[in-house]
Amino acid sequence: MVIRALAFVRTVVVLYGSLLVFALVCLTWTLAALPLYLVLGGGRGTKIGRIGIQRGFRFYASWIHFVGAYRLDLTAIDALIGGGPVILAPNHPSVIDAILIVTRHPNLVCIMKSGLMNNVLLGAGARLAGYIRNDPPRRMVREAITVLEQGAVLLLFPEATRTTEAPVNPFLASVGLIAKLAHAPVQTLLIETDSPYLSKGWPWLRLTRIPITYRVRLGERFAAPADARAFDRMLEEYFRRALAGSLQERWLARPSQGAR
């Protein structure tokens, strides 16, 4: 009984404390990014913005690993550093996915939901780093092509939202079009996690068992396609095969028969 109570207290302290650390990291960088954005604008300050986000999120990743909230394995992404412009296409089981991927590359641009670009904790830093709003779609595609032509790495989740079906949600038509128009390769990232913590619909203050296993491995790399729609269909099928038997299949819902 005592051991179980102590384990519960530790879980509360670790998970709630980690959320507080994340908020403080974001707030600290916002206070720095806002004046930098006003002075440097959205062009000259992008390198500073991207490195600032990377280092801030890397500190957070080190924290959650150190306190035992997560068992992280992210080193596979390091192979992409210095490799030129590419579209990173991961599956998306948890809200923490983009945060952890950003920690591994200093010149990464994320396509974000427009609401997050206006978030008090994330907005200023995202604008300084030259991150891209996901709407309107034409502007998103145009800006994505531009950052790839400038040599950056583009992070784009083909599911557009967090996964709710095993192994992935149906993909939106976006990766293939951007890859085709930018003549950019697509590097898939395969994320696995054994916990539904911070998945779609998970309340921020709800607890889970720790440590959470979380790992990212490099999947196949695909050349820029000639047929964008066919590529997006092929990409979805690839993820369904590659993630069969993944850790998250234990807790993700199965699509109903005949839904596809």
Protein backbone atom coordinates (compact mmCIF):
# COMPACT_ATOMS: atom_id res chain seq x y z
CA MET A 1 0.00 0.00 0.00
CA VAL A 2 2.77 2.44 0.97
CA ILE A 3 4.84 1.56 -2.09
CA ARG A 4 1.81 2.06 -4.35
CA ALA A 5 1.06 5.43 -2.73
CA LEU A 6 4.66 6.57 -3.17
CA ALA A 7 4.61 5.48 -6.82
CA PHE A 8 1.43 7.50 -7.38
CA VAL A 9 2.96 10.58 -5.73
CA ARG A 10 6.07 10.22 -7.88
CA THR A 11 3.96 9.98 -11.02
CA VAL A 12 2.03 13.13 -10.08
CA VAL A 13 5.22 15.07 -9.38
CA VAL A 14 7.01 13.87 -12.51
CA LEU A 15 4.19 14.39 -15.02
CA TYR A 16 2.76 17.62 -13.63
CA GLY A 17 6.26 18.94 -13.02
CA SER A 18 7.21 18.15 -16.61
CA LEU A 19 4.18 20.04 -17.92
CA LEU A 20 5.25 23.02 -15.81
CA VAL A 21 8.80 22.80 -17.17
CA PHE A 22 7.44 22.76 -20.72
CA ALA A 23 5.33 25.84 -20.06
CA LEU A 24 8.32 27.66 -18.53
CA VAL A 25 10.57 26.75 -21.47
CA CYS A 26 8.00 28.07 -23.93
CA LEU A 27 7.32 31.22 -21.91
CA THR A 28 11.02 31.98 -21.55
CA TRP A 29 11.60 31.67 -25.27
CA THR A 30 8.47 33.71 -26.05
CA LEU A 31 9.80 36.59 -23.94
CA ALA A 32 13.01 36.47 -25.98
CA ALA A 33 11.46 35.74 -29.38
CA LEU A 34 8.88 38.51 -29.35
CA PRO A 35 11.37 41.44 -29.28
CA LEU A 36 13.68 39.58 -31.68
CA TYR A 37 10.81 39.18 -34.14
CA LEU A 38 9.90 42.84 -33.86
CA VAL A 39 13.52 43.91 -34.44
CA LEU A 40 14.70 41.30 -36.95
CA GLY A 41 11.41 40.50 -38.66
CA GLY A 42 10.49 37.16 -40.13
CA GLY A 43 13.56 36.83 -42.35
CA ARG A 44 16.83 37.70 -40.65
CA GLY A 45 15.83 36.10 -37.37
CA THR A 46 14.75 32.70 -38.69
CA LYS A 47 18.08 30.97 -37.99
CA ILE A 48 18.05 32.29 -34.42
CA GLY A 49 14.42 31.26 -34.06
CA ARG A 50 14.97 27.70 -35.25
CA ILE A 51 18.03 27.14 -33.09
CA GLY A 52 16.27 28.69 -30.10
CA ILE A 53 13.31 26.33 -30.42
CA GLN A 54 15.59 23.35 -30.94
CA ARG A 55 17.65 24.08 -27.82
CA GLY A 56 14.66 24.88 -25.66
CA PHE A 57 12.84 21.69 -26.65
CA ARG A 58 16.06 19.69 -26.31
CA PHE A 59 16.31 20.88 -22.71
CA TYR A 60 12.73 19.75 -22.16
CA ALA A 61 13.43 16.35 -23.75
CA SER A 62 16.48 15.93 -21.53
CA TRP A 63 14.35 16.81 -18.52
CA ILE A 64 11.58 14.27 -19.16
CA HIS A 65 14.22 11.60 -19.78
CA PHE A 66 16.19 12.53 -16.66
CA VAL A 67 13.20 12.48 -14.30
CA GLY A 68 11.94 9.18 -15.68
CA ALA A 69 8.80 10.36 -17.44
CA TYR A 70 9.97 8.93 -20.77
CA ARG A 71 12.44 6.41 -22.13
CA LEU A 72 13.43 8.22 -25.32
CA ASP A 73 15.18 6.89 -28.41
CA LEU A 74 15.48 9.70 -30.96
CA THR A 75 19.03 9.31 -32.22
CA ALA A 76 18.02 7.89 -35.61
CA ILE A 77 16.95 11.39 -36.68
CA ASP A 78 20.52 12.66 -36.25
CA ALA A 79 21.49 10.94 -39.51
CA LEU A 80 19.54 13.65 -41.37
CA ILE A 81 21.72 16.55 -40.18
CA GLY A 82 23.66 18.02 -43.08
CA GLY A 83 21.77 15.92 -45.60
CA GLY A 84 20.03 18.72 -47.47
CA PRO A 85 16.37 19.70 -47.82
CA VAL A 86 13.84 16.94 -47.30
CA ILE A 87 10.23 16.54 -46.20
CA LEU A 88 9.94 14.65 -42.92
CA ALA A 89 6.70 12.67 -42.84
CA PRO A 90 6.01 10.99 -39.46
CA ASN A 91 2.95 9.32 -38.03
CA HIS A 92 1.41 11.29 -35.16
CA PRO A 93 0.38 9.34 -32.03
CA SER A 94 0.98 12.11 -29.47
CA VAL A 95 1.03 15.88 -29.07
CA ILE A 96 4.71 15.61 -28.10
CA ASP A 97 5.82 14.27 -31.51
CA ALA A 98 6.76 17.57 -33.16
CA ILE A 99 8.47 18.78 -29.97
CA LEU A 100 10.76 15.76 -29.85
CA ILE A 101 11.54 15.70 -33.58
CA VAL A 102 12.50 19.38 -33.55
CA THR A 103 15.13 18.67 -30.88
CA ARG A 104 17.25 16.71 -33.35
CA HIS A 105 17.70 19.22 -36.21
CA PRO A 106 18.80 22.90 -36.15
CA ASN A 107 17.18 23.93 -39.44
CA LEU A 108 13.72 22.45 -39.29
CA VAL A 109 10.47 24.17 -40.24
CA CYS A 110 7.18 22.82 -38.95
CA ILE A 111 3.76 23.17 -40.56
CA MET A 112 1.47 24.06 -37.66
CA LYS A 113 -2.21 24.48 -37.06
CA SER A 114 -3.10 28.15 -37.34
CA GLY A 115 -4.47 28.20 -33.79
CA LEU A 116 -1.06 27.24 -32.41
CA MET A 117 0.56 30.12 -34.28
CA ASN A 118 -1.57 32.43 -32.13
CA ASN A 119 -0.84 30.56 -28.90
CA VAL A 120 0.71 32.73 -26.18
CA LEU A 121 3.38 30.10 -25.41
CA LEU A 122 4.25 29.06 -28.96
CA GLY A 123 3.24 31.80 -31.38
CA ALA A 124 6.12 34.29 -31.12
CA GLY A 125 8.79 31.61 -31.33
CA ALA A 126 7.05 29.91 -34.26
CA ARG A 127 6.78 33.16 -36.21
CA LEU A 128 10.43 34.02 -35.55
CA ALA A 129 11.48 30.56 -36.77
CA GLY A 130 9.45 30.95 -39.98
CA TYR A 131 7.07 28.10 -39.21
CA ILE A 132 4.14 27.72 -41.59
CA ARG A 133 0.39 27.93 -40.94
CA ASN A 134 -1.60 25.01 -42.30
CA ASP A 135 -4.20 27.27 -43.90
CA PRO A 136 -5.07 28.56 -46.36
CA PRO A 137 -3.80 25.48 -48.24
CA ARG A 138 -2.40 27.32 -51.27
CA ARG A 139 -0.30 29.63 -49.12
CA MET A 140 0.85 26.66 -47.04
CA VAL A 141 2.05 24.83 -50.16
CA ARG A 142 3.75 27.94 -51.54
CA GLU A 143 5.59 28.66 -48.29
CA ALA A 144 6.56 25.00 -47.87
CA ILE A 145 8.15 25.00 -51.32
CA THR A 146 10.04 28.19 -50.48
CA VAL A 147 11.62 26.83 -47.27
CA LEU A 148 12.67 23.64 -49.06
CA GLU A 149 14.27 25.69 -51.84
CA GLN A 150 16.13 27.60 -49.12
CA GLY A 151 17.63 24.34 -47.84
CA ALA A 152 15.54 23.74 -44.73
CA VAL A 153 13.96 20.48 -43.57
CA LEU A 154 10.15 20.53 -43.58
CA LEU A 155 8.16 18.66 -40.93
CA LEU A 156 4.69 17.70 -42.12
CA PHE A 157 2.35 15.15 -40.52
CA PRO A 158 0.40 13.39 -43.33
CA GLU A 159 -2.45 12.58 -40.91
CA ALA A 160 -2.75 16.31 -40.06
CA THR A 161 -3.98 15.43 -36.56
CA ARG A 162 -3.09 12.88 -33.90
CA THR A 163 -3.70 9.23 -34.66
CA THR A 164 -6.99 7.73 -33.49
CA GLU A 165 -7.09 4.57 -35.63
CA ALA A 166 -4.60 1.71 -35.70
CA PRO A 167 -2.08 2.03 -37.18
CA VAL A 168 -2.69 5.47 -38.79
CA ASN A 169 -5.56 7.75 -39.76
CA PRO A 170 -6.37 8.29 -43.45
CA PHE A 171 -3.78 10.66 -44.94
CA LEU A 172 -4.61 14.08 -46.33
CA ALA A 173 -3.42 15.05 -49.80
CA SER A 174 -0.49 17.33 -48.98
CA VAL A 175 2.87 15.58 -48.81
CA GLY A 176 2.79 14.37 -52.41
CA LEU A 177 1.85 17.77 -53.82
CA ILE A 178 4.58 19.64 -51.94
CA ALA A 179 7.18 17.00 -52.77
CA LYS A 180 6.23 17.09 -56.46
CA LEU A 181 6.28 20.88 -56.79
CA ALA A 182 9.45 21.34 -54.73
CA HIS A 183 11.22 18.32 -56.31
CA ALA A 184 12.01 17.23 -52.75
CA PRO A 185 12.45 13.71 -51.35
CA VAL A 186 10.23 12.44 -48.56
CA GLN A 187 11.83 10.82 -45.52
CA THR A 188 9.39 8.82 -43.44
CA LEU A 189 9.71 8.66 -39.66
CA LEU A 190 8.12 5.79 -37.75
CA ILE A 191 7.08 6.75 -34.22
CA GLU A 192 6.17 4.16 -31.62
CA THR A 193 4.94 4.71 -28.07
CA ASP A 194 3.42 2.32 -25.56
CA SER A 195 1.21 4.92 -23.84
CA PRO A 196 -1.81 6.95 -24.98
CA TYR A 197 -0.54 9.87 -22.88
CA LEU A 198 -1.29 13.17 -24.68
CA SER A 199 -2.89 11.35 -27.60
CA LYS A 200 -6.03 12.70 -29.27
CA GLY A 201 -8.65 13.45 -26.62
CA TRP A 202 -6.32 12.80 -23.67
CA PRO A 203 -6.85 15.47 -20.96
CA TRP A 204 -3.66 17.38 -20.12
CA LEU A 205 -3.94 16.62 -16.39
CA ARG A 206 -4.78 12.93 -16.72
CA LEU A 207 -2.00 10.67 -15.43
CA THR A 208 -0.49 7.55 -16.94
CA ARG A 209 2.02 4.90 -15.94
CA ILE A 210 5.67 5.97 -16.26
CA PRO A 211 8.19 5.70 -17.77
CA ILE A 212 6.65 5.95 -21.24
CA THR A 213 8.56 4.22 -24.02
CA TYR A 214 8.96 6.49 -27.04
CA ARG A 215 11.13 5.81 -30.06
CA VAL A 216 11.58 7.14 -33.57
CA ARG A 217 13.23 5.25 -36.40
CA LEU A 218 13.92 6.16 -39.99
CA GLY A 219 11.59 4.59 -42.49
CA GLU A 220 11.98 4.54 -46.26
CA ARG A 221 12.98 7.62 -48.22
CA PHE A 222 11.00 8.28 -51.40
CA ALA A 223 11.98 10.41 -54.37
CA ALA A 224 9.81 13.33 -55.43
CA PRO A 225 6.75 11.85 -57.17
CA ALA A 226 5.33 12.57 -60.60
CA ASP A 227 1.78 11.76 -59.47
CA ALA A 228 0.98 13.46 -56.14
CA ARG A 229 -2.31 11.70 -55.44
CA ALA A 230 -0.95 8.26 -56.17
CA PHE A 231 2.04 9.04 -53.96
CA ASP A 232 -0.16 9.99 -50.99
CA ARG A 233 -2.11 6.72 -51.34
CA MET A 234 1.13 4.76 -51.55
CA LEU A 235 2.55 6.58 -48.54
CA GLU A 236 -0.47 5.72 -46.39
CA GLU A 237 -0.25 2.08 -47.35
CA TYR A 238 3.46 2.08 -46.56
CA PHE A 239 2.79 3.39 -43.04
CA ARG A 240 0.08 0.80 -42.50
CA ARG A 241 2.53 -1.97 -43.34
CA ALA A 242 5.51 -0.47 -41.50
CA LEU A 243 3.56 0.16 -38.27
CA ALA A 244 1.77 -3.18 -38.14
CA GLY A 245 2.43 -4.57 -34.66
CA SER A 246 3.74 -1.23 -33.33
CA LEU A 247 3.60 -0.37 -29.64
CA GLN A 248 0.60 1.94 -30.06
CA GLU A 249 -1.57 -0.80 -31.56
CA ARG A 250 -2.17 -1.92 -27.97
CA TRP A 251 -4.19 1.21 -27.21
CA LEU A 252 -5.30 2.70 -30.53
CA ALA A 253 -8.83 2.02 -31.72
CA ARG A 254 -9.39 -0.24 -34.68
CA PRO A 255 -11.38 1.22 -37.61
CA SER A 256 -14.77 -0.41 -38.03
CA GLN A 257 -15.20 -3.01 -40.74
CA GLY A 258 -16.03 -1.47 -44.10
CA ALA A 259 -14.98 2.02 -43.01
CA ARG A 260 -12.29 2.14 -45.67
